[in-house]
Protein backbone atom coordinates (compact mmCIF):
# COMPACT_ATOMS: atom_id res chain seq x y z
CA MET A 1 -11.92 -3.81 4.84
CA LEU A 2 -14.23 -6.37 6.50
CA ASN A 3 -17.30 -4.56 4.99
CA ARG A 4 -15.64 -4.78 1.56
CA THR A 5 -14.95 -8.32 1.95
CA ALA A 6 -18.47 -9.16 3.20
CA THR A 7 -19.94 -7.23 0.08
CA TYR A 8 -17.71 -9.31 -2.42
CA ALA A 9 -18.62 -12.44 -0.66
CA ALA A 10 -22.33 -11.64 -0.69
CA ILE A 11 -22.18 -10.91 -4.51
CA LEU A 12 -20.29 -14.03 -5.09
CA VAL A 13 -22.90 -16.16 -3.16
CA LEU A 14 -25.63 -14.49 -4.93
CA GLN A 15 -24.24 -15.15 -8.46
CA LEU A 16 -23.29 -18.67 -7.31
CA LEU A 17 -26.82 -19.46 -6.08
CA CYS A 18 -28.41 -18.14 -9.36
CA ALA A 19 -26.03 -19.98 -11.48
CA VAL A 20 -26.68 -23.06 -9.76
CA PHE A 21 -30.51 -22.65 -10.17
CA PHE A 22 -29.98 -22.36 -13.91
CA VAL A 23 -27.32 -24.96 -14.46
CA SER A 24 -29.19 -27.52 -12.22
CA ASP A 25 -32.19 -27.53 -14.30
CA ILE A 26 -30.17 -28.07 -17.52
CA VAL A 27 -27.96 -30.79 -15.86
CA PHE A 28 -30.92 -32.71 -14.50
CA SER A 29 -32.51 -32.67 -17.85
CA VAL A 30 -29.33 -33.70 -19.81
CA LEU A 31 -28.70 -36.60 -17.26
CA GLY A 32 -32.20 -37.64 -17.18
CA ILE A 33 -32.59 -37.33 -13.34
CA PRO A 34 -36.27 -36.98 -12.56
CA ILE A 35 -37.25 -33.98 -10.47
CA ASN A 36 -40.70 -33.26 -9.22
CA PRO A 37 -42.30 -30.66 -11.56
CA VAL A 38 -42.89 -27.20 -10.21
CA PRO A 39 -45.94 -25.41 -11.25
CA TRP A 40 -44.98 -23.07 -14.05
CA ARG A 41 -46.02 -19.94 -12.16
CA TYR A 42 -43.39 -20.86 -9.43
CA GLN A 43 -41.00 -21.87 -12.07
CA GLU A 44 -41.32 -18.45 -13.90
CA VAL A 45 -41.12 -16.60 -10.52
CA MET A 46 -37.84 -18.44 -9.55
CA GLU A 47 -36.27 -17.91 -12.96
CA ILE A 48 -37.23 -14.15 -12.76
CA ALA A 49 -35.73 -13.85 -9.28
CA ALA A 50 -32.57 -15.71 -10.39
CA ALA A 51 -32.18 -13.49 -13.50
CA LEU A 52 -32.70 -10.36 -11.39
CA GLY A 53 -30.07 -11.82 -8.92
CA LEU A 54 -27.55 -12.24 -11.64
CA VAL A 55 -28.37 -8.78 -13.17
CA SER A 56 -28.05 -7.09 -9.75
CA ALA A 57 -24.73 -9.02 -8.99
CA VAL A 58 -23.27 -7.73 -12.37
CA VAL A 59 -24.33 -4.03 -11.54
CA LEU A 60 -22.72 -4.39 -8.04
CA SER A 61 -19.75 -6.03 -9.55
CA ALA A 62 -19.49 -3.06 -11.99
CA ILE A 63 -19.82 -0.55 -9.18
CA LEU A 64 -17.19 -2.27 -7.08
CA LEU A 65 -14.77 -2.63 -10.03
CA ARG A 66 -15.32 1.17 -10.87
CA ARG A 67 -14.45 1.87 -7.24
CA ALA A 68 -11.46 -0.18 -7.26
CA ARG A 69 -10.16 1.35 -10.44
CA ARG A 70 -10.72 4.85 -8.84
CA ARG A 71 -8.90 3.94 -5.69
CA THR A 72 -6.09 2.42 -7.86
CA ARG A 73 -5.69 5.69 -9.60
CA GLU A 74 -5.73 7.56 -6.34
CA VAL A 75 -2.86 5.36 -4.98
CA GLU A 76 -0.94 5.78 -8.01
CA GLN A 77 -1.26 9.61 -7.95
CA THR A 78 -0.22 9.41 -4.34
CA LEU A 79 2.91 7.32 -5.24
CA ARG A 80 3.93 9.78 -7.91
CA VAL A 81 3.52 12.68 -5.53
CA ALA A 82 5.73 10.63 -2.89
CA SER A 83 8.16 9.84 -5.58
CA GLY A 84 8.49 13.50 -6.54
CA ALA A 85 8.57 14.68 -2.87
CA PHE A 86 11.48 12.03 -2.32
CA MET A 87 13.48 13.48 -5.16
CA GLU A 88 12.80 16.92 -4.02
CA LEU A 89 14.08 16.03 -0.56
CA VAL A 90 17.13 14.24 -1.97
CA GLU A 91 18.11 17.29 -3.86
CA GLU A 92 17.52 19.53 -0.93
CA HIS A 93 19.75 17.49 1.25
CA PHE A 94 22.40 17.07 -1.51
CA THR A 95 22.54 20.88 -1.95
CA GLU A 96 22.66 21.24 1.92
CA TRP A 97 25.61 19.04 2.20
CA GLY A 98 27.58 20.45 -0.74
CA PHE A 99 27.86 17.24 -2.62
CA THR A 100 29.84 17.50 -5.93
CA PRO A 101 28.12 16.19 -9.21
CA ALA A 102 30.00 12.92 -8.83
CA GLU A 103 29.05 12.60 -5.23
CA ARG A 104 25.46 13.16 -6.16
CA ASP A 105 25.60 10.45 -8.79
CA VAL A 106 27.10 7.95 -6.29
CA ALA A 107 24.84 8.94 -3.51
CA LEU A 108 21.83 8.31 -5.94
CA PHE A 109 23.09 4.92 -6.83
CA ALA A 110 23.81 4.13 -3.07
CA LEU A 111 20.24 5.15 -2.18
CA LYS A 112 19.08 2.75 -5.03
CA GLY A 113 20.89 -0.16 -3.22
CA MET A 114 23.76 -0.70 -5.70
CA SER A 115 26.91 -2.11 -4.61
CA LEU A 116 30.33 -0.32 -4.82
CA THR A 117 31.26 -2.52 -7.53
CA GLU A 118 27.97 -1.86 -9.66
CA ILE A 119 28.35 1.85 -9.09
CA ALA A 120 32.03 1.88 -10.20
CA GLN A 121 30.98 -0.09 -13.50
CA LEU A 122 28.18 2.32 -14.15
CA ARG A 123 30.51 5.36 -13.62
CA ALA A 124 33.33 3.77 -15.36
CA THR A 125 35.62 4.25 -12.46
CA SER A 126 37.57 2.29 -9.92
CA GLU A 127 35.99 0.71 -6.74
CA GLY A 128 38.58 2.83 -4.71
CA THR A 129 37.21 6.09 -6.22
CA VAL A 130 33.65 5.05 -5.41
CA LYS A 131 34.64 4.02 -1.94
CA ALA A 132 36.34 7.43 -1.36
CA GLN A 133 33.36 9.27 -2.71
CA THR A 134 30.93 7.32 -0.53
CA ASN A 135 33.10 8.00 2.62
CA ALA A 136 32.96 11.75 1.66
CA ILE A 137 29.15 11.62 1.23
CA TYR A 138 28.83 9.84 4.59
CA ARG A 139 31.11 12.39 6.26
CA LYS A 140 29.28 15.44 4.68
CA ALA A 141 25.97 14.01 5.73
CA GLY A 142 27.03 13.28 9.20
CA VAL A 143 26.44 9.34 9.20
CA THR A 144 28.72 6.43 9.38
CA GLY A 145 27.27 4.31 6.62
CA ARG A 146 24.67 3.51 4.09
CA PRO A 147 21.91 2.28 6.49
CA GLN A 148 22.19 5.66 8.50
CA PHE A 149 22.40 7.61 5.08
CA LEU A 150 19.13 6.08 3.90
CA SER A 151 17.42 6.45 7.21
CA LEU A 152 18.02 10.18 6.97
CA PHE A 153 15.57 10.30 4.03
CA VAL A 154 13.08 7.80 5.40
CA GLU A 155 12.75 9.83 8.53
CA ASP A 156 12.15 13.00 6.64
CA LEU A 157 9.55 11.39 4.42
CA MET A 158 7.69 9.87 7.52
CA GLY A 159 7.69 13.16 9.31
CA GLU A 160 7.12 13.85 12.79
CA SER A 161 3.46 13.04 12.63
CA LEU A 162 4.25 9.39 12.77
CA LEU A 163 6.52 9.59 15.77
CA PRO A 164 4.89 9.25 19.23
CA ALA A 165 4.25 12.70 20.82
CA PRO A 166 6.62 13.39 23.71
CA GLU A 167 4.92 13.51 27.11
CA PRO A 168 4.60 16.96 28.53
CA ALA A 169 7.16 17.77 31.21
CA LEU A 170 5.65 18.08 34.67
CA GLU A 171 6.44 21.28 36.59
CA PRO A 172 8.47 20.63 39.74
CA THR A 173 5.37 21.60 41.97
CA GLN A 174 3.09 19.14 39.84
CA ARG A 175 2.66 15.50 40.61
CA ALA A 176 1.81 12.80 38.18
CA PRO A 177 -1.62 11.40 38.80
CA SER A 178 -0.22 8.26 40.24
CA GLU A 179 1.89 10.36 42.73
CA GLU A 180 -1.19 11.83 44.46
CA PRO A 181 -1.18 11.44 48.09
CA ILE A 182 -3.53 8.88 49.47
CA SER A 183 -5.98 10.17 51.93
CA GLY A 184 -7.55 7.85 54.21
């Protein structure tokens, strides 16, 4: 990230310096500010260098833009895969828990963060019915409420690879390194 930021900053500074060179010459002329004349050979070399700087900055900007667009596409693809994986995981759990079609609907709305009132309105049923269905959902899933219900799916998506590895158990005859006897 730091390298990318430094590259962007370098391109910006290069473009700024080149633009200042060209614009300052025009501004000094328009405002009538006298400047010491530079021999035409040096002037041309500076103009060529500034023009090359601008062209190279444009090329580098195009390359970085292309990389950013490619990275955006990769992230979008990953998000689509994760979204599909989430729905597969949801369906797998719903089947495992034996949810009825009505419970599946209510559970999906609950996972989306909708209130009991909103779910009842969407399903054209009473809040009492939705509350009874959510209680059945939580009971079948083995949780006590919506936060725990949601956490089941989050934990499955995170997988065990994100959890810290358990420390290996020591055999009764082994000692931890800090328990070694001190000889002296």
